[in-house]
Amino acid sequence: MLAKIDNKNLSSNFVTTSAVNVVKKVVLENQKKGVIFIKSTKRNVFCTLMDIQEKKVKTSCSLRVPVYENEYNERENLYTRGLLLGNLFGDKALKLGYTEFTIYLGSGLNKGRRGVVRGLSKKGVKITFLHLGTRYPHNGCRPVKVRRKKFRTKPKISR
């Protein structure tokens, strides 16, 4: 199909690609971006969802996750609680309309944080940036002075 505008022939391909670009812009404008801060302790995982303007939107912890079936009577570990929290938090964030996330993991990557990230990715949310805040030295601390011990030059004489 050819369209004539001001005596210029335009192919239908050009018209469809411009329409697709307009639709993409509208979809991108409707997507909400959020920032998730994950804090993990020995027995608990905390998640905080913030807006781009740094306003707190939602918080949750792993104690609020629903009870899961413990078939083999194993000890409840931090990874499964993090996984369930990621699923729950992903559902809540999708209900609020957030689709893209930047995730700050704090210092260190332990099992709880790894479970939350895996749970969020299983929900189908888009993770654009994953920041690990582990600090490391440029050259390290100054090492401890080595102790110098006196050596005997003469043999010890026994009496």
N, C-alpha and C. Protein backbone atom coordinates (compact mmCIF):
# COMPACT_ATOMS: atom_id res chain seq x y z
N MET A 1 0.85 -1.17 0.00
CA MET A 1 0.00 0.00 0.00
C MET A 1 0.89 1.23 0.00
N LEU A 2 0.55 2.17 -0.83
CA LEU A 2 1.28 3.42 -0.91
C LEU A 2 0.37 4.56 -0.50
N ALA A 3 0.91 5.49 0.23
CA ALA A 3 0.15 6.66 0.63
C ALA A 3 0.81 7.89 0.03
N LYS A 4 -0.01 8.82 -0.46
CA LYS A 4 0.54 10.05 -1.05
C LYS A 4 0.28 11.20 -0.11
N ILE A 5 1.35 11.84 0.34
CA ILE A 5 1.25 13.04 1.17
C ILE A 5 2.14 14.08 0.52
N ASP A 6 1.52 15.19 0.10
CA ASP A 6 2.26 16.28 -0.57
C ASP A 6 3.05 15.76 -1.77
N ASN A 7 2.41 14.93 -2.59
CA ASN A 7 3.00 14.37 -3.80
C ASN A 7 4.26 13.55 -3.51
N LYS A 8 4.34 12.94 -2.35
CA LYS A 8 5.45 12.05 -2.02
C LYS A 8 4.90 10.67 -1.75
N ASN A 9 5.50 9.68 -2.31
CA ASN A 9 5.07 8.31 -2.10
C ASN A 9 5.69 7.77 -0.81
N LEU A 10 4.84 7.31 0.08
CA LEU A 10 5.29 6.71 1.33
C LEU A 10 4.83 5.27 1.37
N SER A 11 5.72 4.39 1.68
CA SER A 11 5.32 2.99 1.76
C SER A 11 4.59 2.74 3.06
N SER A 12 3.81 1.69 3.10
CA SER A 12 3.05 1.35 4.31
C SER A 12 3.98 0.91 5.42
N ASN A 13 5.18 0.45 5.07
CA ASN A 13 6.16 0.01 6.06
C ASN A 13 6.56 1.17 6.96
N PHE A 14 6.75 2.34 6.37
CA PHE A 14 7.11 3.52 7.16
C PHE A 14 6.01 3.90 8.12
N VAL A 15 4.77 3.82 7.66
CA VAL A 15 3.62 4.18 8.49
C VAL A 15 3.51 3.23 9.67
N THR A 16 3.69 1.93 9.45
CA THR A 16 3.56 0.96 10.54
C THR A 16 4.70 1.10 11.54
N THR A 17 5.93 1.38 11.07
CA THR A 17 7.04 1.51 12.01
C THR A 17 6.87 2.75 12.88
N SER A 18 6.34 3.84 12.32
CA SER A 18 6.13 5.03 13.14
C SER A 18 5.04 4.78 14.17
N ALA A 19 4.00 4.01 13.78
CA ALA A 19 2.94 3.68 14.73
C ALA A 19 3.47 2.80 15.86
N VAL A 20 4.36 1.87 15.52
CA VAL A 20 4.95 0.99 16.53
C VAL A 20 5.81 1.81 17.49
N ASN A 21 6.55 2.80 16.98
CA ASN A 21 7.37 3.65 17.85
C ASN A 21 6.51 4.46 18.80
N VAL A 22 5.36 4.95 18.32
CA VAL A 22 4.45 5.71 19.19
C VAL A 22 3.91 4.81 20.29
N VAL A 23 3.54 3.57 19.95
CA VAL A 23 3.02 2.63 20.94
C VAL A 23 4.09 2.30 21.97
N LYS A 24 5.34 2.12 21.53
CA LYS A 24 6.43 1.83 22.46
C LYS A 24 6.64 2.98 23.43
N LYS A 25 6.54 4.22 22.94
CA LYS A 25 6.71 5.37 23.83
C LYS A 25 5.62 5.41 24.89
N VAL A 26 4.38 5.11 24.48
CA VAL A 26 3.27 5.13 25.43
C VAL A 26 3.45 4.04 26.48
N VAL A 27 3.89 2.86 26.06
CA VAL A 27 4.10 1.75 27.00
C VAL A 27 5.24 2.09 27.96
N LEU A 28 6.32 2.68 27.44
CA LEU A 28 7.45 3.02 28.31
C LEU A 28 7.09 4.11 29.31
N GLU A 29 6.20 5.03 28.92
CA GLU A 29 5.80 6.08 29.86
C GLU A 29 4.94 5.52 30.98
N ASN A 30 4.16 4.46 30.69
CA ASN A 30 3.27 3.89 31.70
C ASN A 30 4.00 2.98 32.68
N GLN A 31 5.22 2.57 32.37
CA GLN A 31 5.95 1.69 33.27
C GLN A 31 6.48 2.49 34.46
N LYS A 32 6.31 1.92 35.64
CA LYS A 32 6.85 2.55 36.85
C LYS A 32 8.16 1.89 37.20
N LYS A 33 9.12 2.71 37.61
CA LYS A 33 10.41 2.18 38.03
C LYS A 33 10.52 2.34 39.54
N GLY A 34 11.09 1.34 40.18
CA GLY A 34 11.24 1.38 41.63
C GLY A 34 12.61 0.92 42.05
N VAL A 35 12.92 1.20 43.32
CA VAL A 35 14.19 0.81 43.91
C VAL A 35 13.88 -0.08 45.12
N ILE A 36 14.54 -1.24 45.18
CA ILE A 36 14.32 -2.16 46.29
C ILE A 36 15.61 -2.26 47.10
N PHE A 37 15.50 -2.01 48.40
CA PHE A 37 16.62 -2.17 49.32
C PHE A 37 16.38 -3.46 50.10
N ILE A 38 17.38 -4.34 50.11
CA ILE A 38 17.26 -5.62 50.82
C ILE A 38 18.27 -5.64 51.96
N LYS A 39 17.74 -5.83 53.17
CA LYS A 39 18.60 -5.94 54.35
C LYS A 39 18.37 -7.32 54.94
N SER A 40 19.45 -8.00 55.27
CA SER A 40 19.33 -9.35 55.78
C SER A 40 20.08 -9.49 57.09
N THR A 41 19.42 -10.15 58.04
CA THR A 41 20.07 -10.48 59.31
C THR A 41 20.22 -12.00 59.36
N LYS A 42 20.57 -12.53 60.53
CA LYS A 42 20.78 -13.97 60.63
C LYS A 42 19.48 -14.75 60.48
N ARG A 43 18.35 -14.17 60.91
CA ARG A 43 17.10 -14.92 60.88
C ARG A 43 15.98 -14.23 60.12
N ASN A 44 16.24 -13.06 59.55
CA ASN A 44 15.16 -12.31 58.94
C ASN A 44 15.67 -11.56 57.72
N VAL A 45 14.78 -11.27 56.79
CA VAL A 45 15.11 -10.50 55.58
C VAL A 45 14.09 -9.38 55.47
N PHE A 46 14.56 -8.16 55.25
CA PHE A 46 13.70 -7.00 55.11
C PHE A 46 13.81 -6.44 53.70
N CYS A 47 12.66 -6.08 53.10
CA CYS A 47 12.63 -5.47 51.78
C CYS A 47 11.89 -4.15 51.87
N THR A 48 12.42 -3.13 51.20
CA THR A 48 11.79 -1.82 51.15
C THR A 48 11.71 -1.38 49.70
N LEU A 49 10.51 -1.05 49.26
CA LEU A 49 10.30 -0.56 47.91
C LEU A 49 10.18 0.95 47.96
N MET A 50 11.02 1.62 47.16
CA MET A 50 10.98 3.09 47.11
C MET A 50 10.74 3.53 45.69
N ASP A 51 10.14 4.71 45.58
CA ASP A 51 9.88 5.31 44.29
C ASP A 51 11.16 5.96 43.76
N ILE A 52 11.12 6.42 42.52
CA ILE A 52 12.29 7.10 41.95
C ILE A 52 12.57 8.41 42.70
N GLN A 53 11.51 9.04 43.21
CA GLN A 53 11.70 10.29 43.97
C GLN A 53 12.05 10.03 45.43
N GLU A 54 12.49 8.83 45.75
CA GLU A 54 12.94 8.41 47.08
C GLU A 54 11.84 8.50 48.13
N LYS A 55 10.64 8.15 47.76
CA LYS A 55 9.54 8.08 48.72
C LYS A 55 9.26 6.61 49.00
N LYS A 56 9.15 6.28 50.27
CA LYS A 56 8.92 4.88 50.66
C LYS A 56 7.50 4.49 50.26
N VAL A 57 7.39 3.37 49.55
CA VAL A 57 6.09 2.91 49.07
C VAL A 57 5.61 1.71 49.86
N LYS A 58 6.46 0.70 50.02
CA LYS A 58 6.04 -0.54 50.65
C LYS A 58 7.22 -1.17 51.39
N THR A 59 6.95 -1.76 52.54
CA THR A 59 7.98 -2.53 53.25
C THR A 59 7.41 -3.89 53.59
N SER A 60 8.30 -4.86 53.72
CA SER A 60 7.87 -6.20 54.10
C SER A 60 9.05 -6.93 54.70
N CYS A 61 8.75 -7.93 55.54
CA CYS A 61 9.82 -8.75 56.11
C CYS A 61 9.44 -10.22 55.95
N SER A 62 10.41 -11.10 56.15
CA SER A 62 10.19 -12.51 55.88
C SER A 62 9.31 -13.18 56.93
N LEU A 63 8.97 -12.49 58.01
CA LEU A 63 8.06 -13.08 59.00
C LEU A 63 6.62 -13.01 58.52
N ARG A 64 6.35 -12.19 57.51
CA ARG A 64 4.99 -12.06 56.99
C ARG A 64 4.66 -13.03 55.87
N VAL A 65 5.62 -13.83 55.46
CA VAL A 65 5.35 -14.73 54.34
C VAL A 65 4.39 -15.82 54.76
N PRO A 66 3.59 -16.34 53.82
CA PRO A 66 2.66 -17.41 54.20
C PRO A 66 3.40 -18.70 54.56
N VAL A 67 2.75 -19.51 55.35
CA VAL A 67 3.35 -20.76 55.79
C VAL A 67 3.44 -21.71 54.60
N TYR A 68 4.56 -22.37 54.46
CA TYR A 68 4.74 -23.31 53.36
C TYR A 68 4.74 -24.73 53.92
N GLU A 69 4.47 -25.69 53.03
CA GLU A 69 4.42 -27.09 53.45
C GLU A 69 5.82 -27.61 53.68
N ASN A 70 6.07 -28.05 54.89
CA ASN A 70 7.37 -28.57 55.28
C ASN A 70 7.27 -30.09 55.28
N GLU A 71 7.51 -30.71 54.10
CA GLU A 71 7.26 -32.15 53.96
C GLU A 71 8.21 -33.00 54.79
N TYR A 72 9.46 -32.66 54.80
CA TYR A 72 10.46 -33.52 55.42
C TYR A 72 10.88 -33.06 56.81
N ASN A 73 10.10 -32.15 57.40
CA ASN A 73 10.35 -31.63 58.74
C ASN A 73 11.76 -31.04 58.86
N GLU A 74 12.19 -30.35 57.79
CA GLU A 74 13.51 -29.74 57.82
C GLU A 74 13.44 -28.39 58.54
N ARG A 75 14.58 -27.93 58.92
CA ARG A 75 14.66 -26.65 59.60
C ARG A 75 14.39 -25.54 58.60
N GLU A 76 13.60 -24.57 58.98
CA GLU A 76 13.25 -23.47 58.09
C GLU A 76 14.48 -22.57 57.91
N ASN A 77 14.99 -22.52 56.70
CA ASN A 77 16.21 -21.76 56.49
C ASN A 77 15.92 -20.41 55.86
N LEU A 78 16.93 -19.58 55.80
CA LEU A 78 16.78 -18.21 55.34
C LEU A 78 16.52 -18.13 53.85
N TYR A 79 17.03 -19.10 53.09
CA TYR A 79 16.86 -19.06 51.63
C TYR A 79 15.40 -19.24 51.23
N THR A 80 14.71 -20.22 51.85
CA THR A 80 13.31 -20.44 51.49
C THR A 80 12.45 -19.27 51.94
N ARG A 81 12.77 -18.69 53.09
CA ARG A 81 12.02 -17.52 53.53
C ARG A 81 12.26 -16.35 52.60
N GLY A 82 13.50 -16.19 52.12
CA GLY A 82 13.80 -15.13 51.15
C GLY A 82 13.09 -15.36 49.83
N LEU A 83 13.02 -16.62 49.40
CA LEU A 83 12.34 -16.96 48.15
C LEU A 83 10.85 -16.65 48.24
N LEU A 84 10.22 -17.02 49.36
CA LEU A 84 8.81 -16.72 49.56
C LEU A 84 8.57 -15.22 49.68
N LEU A 85 9.50 -14.52 50.33
CA LEU A 85 9.37 -13.07 50.44
C LEU A 85 9.50 -12.41 49.08
N GLY A 86 10.40 -12.90 48.23
CA GLY A 86 10.54 -12.36 46.88
C GLY A 86 9.27 -12.55 46.06
N ASN A 87 8.65 -13.73 46.18
CA ASN A 87 7.38 -13.97 45.47
C ASN A 87 6.29 -13.04 45.96
N LEU A 88 6.16 -12.91 47.29
CA LEU A 88 5.13 -12.06 47.88
C LEU A 88 5.35 -10.59 47.54
N PHE A 89 6.61 -10.17 47.64
CA PHE A 89 6.94 -8.76 47.38
C PHE A 89 6.79 -8.44 45.89
N GLY A 90 7.10 -9.40 45.04
CA GLY A 90 6.91 -9.20 43.60
C GLY A 90 5.44 -9.03 43.25
N ASP A 91 4.56 -9.82 43.88
CA ASP A 91 3.13 -9.68 43.66
C ASP A 91 2.63 -8.30 44.09
N LYS A 92 3.06 -7.87 45.28
CA LYS A 92 2.63 -6.57 45.79
C LYS A 92 3.10 -5.44 44.89
N ALA A 93 4.35 -5.54 44.40
CA ALA A 93 4.90 -4.49 43.54
C ALA A 93 4.19 -4.46 42.20
N LEU A 94 3.85 -5.62 41.65
CA LEU A 94 3.13 -5.66 40.38
C LEU A 94 1.71 -5.11 40.53
N LYS A 95 1.08 -5.34 41.69
CA LYS A 95 -0.25 -4.77 41.93
C LYS A 95 -0.19 -3.24 42.00
N LEU A 96 0.92 -2.71 42.52
CA LEU A 96 1.08 -1.26 42.59
C LEU A 96 1.46 -0.66 41.24
N GLY A 97 1.84 -1.50 40.27
CA GLY A 97 2.13 -1.01 38.93
C GLY A 97 3.60 -0.88 38.60
N TYR A 98 4.48 -1.37 39.44
CA TYR A 98 5.91 -1.28 39.18
C TYR A 98 6.35 -2.46 38.33
N THR A 99 7.19 -2.18 37.33
CA THR A 99 7.65 -3.25 36.44
C THR A 99 9.17 -3.35 36.40
N GLU A 100 9.89 -2.25 36.56
CA GLU A 100 11.36 -2.27 36.50
C GLU A 100 11.91 -1.91 37.87
N PHE A 101 12.98 -2.62 38.26
CA PHE A 101 13.55 -2.41 39.59
C PHE A 101 15.06 -2.28 39.54
N THR A 102 15.57 -1.44 40.41
CA THR A 102 16.98 -1.39 40.74
C THR A 102 17.09 -1.96 42.15
N ILE A 103 17.97 -2.94 42.34
CA ILE A 103 18.05 -3.63 43.63
C ILE A 103 19.39 -3.32 44.29
N TYR A 104 19.34 -2.84 45.54
CA TYR A 104 20.53 -2.61 46.36
C TYR A 104 20.57 -3.69 47.43
N LEU A 105 21.64 -4.47 47.45
CA LEU A 105 21.71 -5.63 48.33
C LEU A 105 22.40 -5.36 49.65
N GLY A 106 22.89 -4.16 49.89
CA GLY A 106 23.61 -3.92 51.13
C GLY A 106 25.00 -4.48 51.06
N SER A 107 25.52 -4.94 52.18
CA SER A 107 26.89 -5.46 52.18
C SER A 107 26.85 -6.97 52.23
N GLY A 108 27.40 -7.60 51.23
CA GLY A 108 27.49 -9.05 51.20
C GLY A 108 26.27 -9.69 50.58
N LEU A 109 26.47 -10.83 49.95
CA LEU A 109 25.39 -11.57 49.33
C LEU A 109 25.24 -12.88 50.09
N ASN A 110 24.20 -12.97 50.91
CA ASN A 110 23.99 -14.21 51.65
C ASN A 110 22.78 -14.94 51.09
N LYS A 111 22.38 -16.02 51.73
CA LYS A 111 21.30 -16.85 51.19
C LYS A 111 19.96 -16.14 51.16
N GLY A 112 19.69 -15.32 52.16
CA GLY A 112 18.42 -14.60 52.20
C GLY A 112 18.27 -13.62 51.06
N ARG A 113 19.32 -12.84 50.80
CA ARG A 113 19.28 -11.88 49.70
C ARG A 113 19.18 -12.59 48.36
N ARG A 114 19.92 -13.68 48.22
CA ARG A 114 19.89 -14.45 46.97
C ARG A 114 18.48 -15.01 46.73
N GLY A 115 17.81 -15.45 47.78
CA GLY A 115 16.45 -15.97 47.65
C GLY A 115 15.47 -14.90 47.22
N VAL A 116 15.61 -13.69 47.76
CA VAL A 116 14.70 -12.61 47.39
C VAL A 116 14.87 -12.25 45.92
N VAL A 117 16.12 -12.16 45.46
CA VAL A 117 16.37 -11.82 44.06
C VAL A 117 15.83 -12.91 43.14
N ARG A 118 16.01 -14.16 43.50
CA ARG A 118 15.49 -15.27 42.69
C ARG A 118 13.97 -15.25 42.66
N GLY A 119 13.34 -14.97 43.81
CA GLY A 119 11.87 -14.90 43.87
C GLY A 119 11.33 -13.77 43.03
N LEU A 120 12.00 -12.62 43.05
CA LEU A 120 11.55 -11.50 42.22
C LEU A 120 11.69 -11.81 40.74
N SER A 121 12.80 -12.45 40.37
CA SER A 121 13.00 -12.75 38.95
C SER A 121 12.03 -13.81 38.45
N LYS A 122 11.58 -14.71 39.34
CA LYS A 122 10.58 -15.70 38.94
C LYS A 122 9.22 -15.07 38.68
N LYS A 123 8.94 -13.95 39.33
CA LYS A 123 7.67 -13.26 39.12
C LYS A 123 7.62 -12.54 37.78
N GLY A 124 8.75 -12.39 37.13
CA GLY A 124 8.76 -11.77 35.80
C GLY A 124 8.98 -10.28 35.82
N VAL A 125 9.44 -9.73 36.94
CA VAL A 125 9.75 -8.30 36.96
C VAL A 125 11.12 -8.09 36.32
N LYS A 126 11.34 -6.92 35.78
CA LYS A 126 12.59 -6.63 35.10
C LYS A 126 13.56 -5.99 36.08
N ILE A 127 14.71 -6.63 36.28
CA ILE A 127 15.75 -6.10 37.16
C ILE A 127 16.77 -5.40 36.28
N THR A 128 16.82 -4.05 36.39
CA THR A 128 17.71 -3.30 35.51
C THR A 128 19.11 -3.17 36.07
N PHE A 129 19.23 -3.10 37.40
CA PHE A 129 20.54 -2.87 38.01
C PHE A 129 20.58 -3.57 39.35
N LEU A 130 21.65 -4.30 39.59
CA LEU A 130 21.82 -5.03 40.84
C LEU A 130 23.10 -4.52 41.48
N HIS A 131 22.96 -3.81 42.62
CA HIS A 131 24.12 -3.17 43.25
C HIS A 131 24.49 -3.92 44.51
N LEU A 132 25.73 -4.38 44.57
CA LEU A 132 26.25 -5.05 45.75
C LEU A 132 27.16 -4.07 46.47
N GLY A 133 26.83 -3.72 47.69
CA GLY A 133 27.55 -2.66 48.39
C GLY A 133 28.70 -3.14 49.25
N THR A 134 29.35 -4.23 48.87
CA THR A 134 30.47 -4.72 49.66
C THR A 134 31.65 -3.77 49.49
N ARG A 135 32.21 -3.38 50.62
CA ARG A 135 33.36 -2.48 50.58
C ARG A 135 34.65 -3.29 50.51
N TYR A 136 35.59 -2.80 49.76
CA TYR A 136 36.88 -3.47 49.71
C TYR A 136 37.97 -2.42 49.70
N PRO A 137 39.12 -2.69 50.31
CA PRO A 137 40.18 -1.69 50.39
C PRO A 137 40.92 -1.58 49.06
N HIS A 138 41.47 -0.38 48.84
CA HIS A 138 42.26 -0.19 47.63
C HIS A 138 43.60 -0.89 47.77
N ASN A 139 44.21 -0.73 48.93
CA ASN A 139 45.49 -1.37 49.15
C ASN A 139 45.51 -2.15 50.46
N GLY A 140 44.45 -2.07 51.21
CA GLY A 140 44.38 -2.80 52.47
C GLY A 140 45.00 -2.04 53.63
N CYS A 141 44.85 -2.59 54.81
CA CYS A 141 45.44 -2.00 56.00
C CYS A 141 46.94 -2.29 56.04
N ARG A 142 47.62 -1.50 56.85
CA ARG A 142 49.05 -1.74 57.00
C ARG A 142 49.25 -3.02 57.81
N PRO A 143 50.13 -3.92 57.34
CA PRO A 143 50.32 -5.18 58.07
C PRO A 143 51.01 -4.98 59.41
N VAL A 144 50.84 -5.94 60.28
CA VAL A 144 51.42 -5.88 61.62
C VAL A 144 52.94 -6.02 61.52
N LYS A 145 53.64 -5.29 62.41
CA LYS A 145 55.10 -5.38 62.42
C LYS A 145 55.54 -6.79 62.81
N VAL A 146 56.53 -7.32 62.12
CA VAL A 146 57.02 -8.66 62.39
C VAL A 146 57.92 -8.62 63.63
N ARG A 147 57.69 -9.55 64.53
CA ARG A 147 58.50 -9.60 65.75
C ARG A 147 59.88 -10.14 65.42
N ARG A 148 60.91 -9.44 65.93
CA ARG A 148 62.29 -9.91 65.72
C ARG A 148 62.77 -10.59 66.99
N LYS A 149 63.28 -11.79 66.82
CA LYS A 149 63.75 -12.55 67.96
C LYS A 149 65.27 -12.60 67.92
N LYS A 150 65.88 -12.51 69.13
CA LYS A 150 67.34 -12.57 69.19
C LYS A 150 67.81 -13.99 68.95
N PHE A 151 68.81 -14.11 68.14
CA PHE A 151 69.41 -15.43 67.91
C PHE A 151 70.68 -15.55 68.74
N ARG A 152 70.92 -16.73 69.31
CA ARG A 152 72.15 -16.95 70.07
C ARG A 152 73.27 -17.30 69.11
N THR A 153 74.40 -16.67 69.37
CA THR A 153 75.57 -16.98 68.54
C THR A 153 76.46 -18.00 69.24
N LYS A 154 76.45 -17.97 70.56
CA LYS A 154 77.28 -18.92 71.32
C LYS A 154 76.40 -20.09 71.75
N PRO A 155 76.98 -21.30 71.76
CA PRO A 155 76.22 -22.44 72.25
C PRO A 155 76.04 -22.36 73.77
N LYS A 156 74.90 -22.86 74.22
CA LYS A 156 74.62 -22.86 75.65
C LYS A 156 75.45 -23.95 76.34
N ILE A 157 76.17 -23.59 77.43
CA ILE A 157 77.03 -24.54 78.16
C ILE A 157 76.23 -25.09 79.33
N SER A 158 76.13 -26.40 79.39
CA SER A 158 75.41 -27.03 80.49
C SER A 158 76.40 -27.34 81.60
N ARG A 159 76.08 -27.20 82.86
CA ARG A 159 76.98 -27.42 83.98
C ARG A 159 76.73 -28.67 84.67
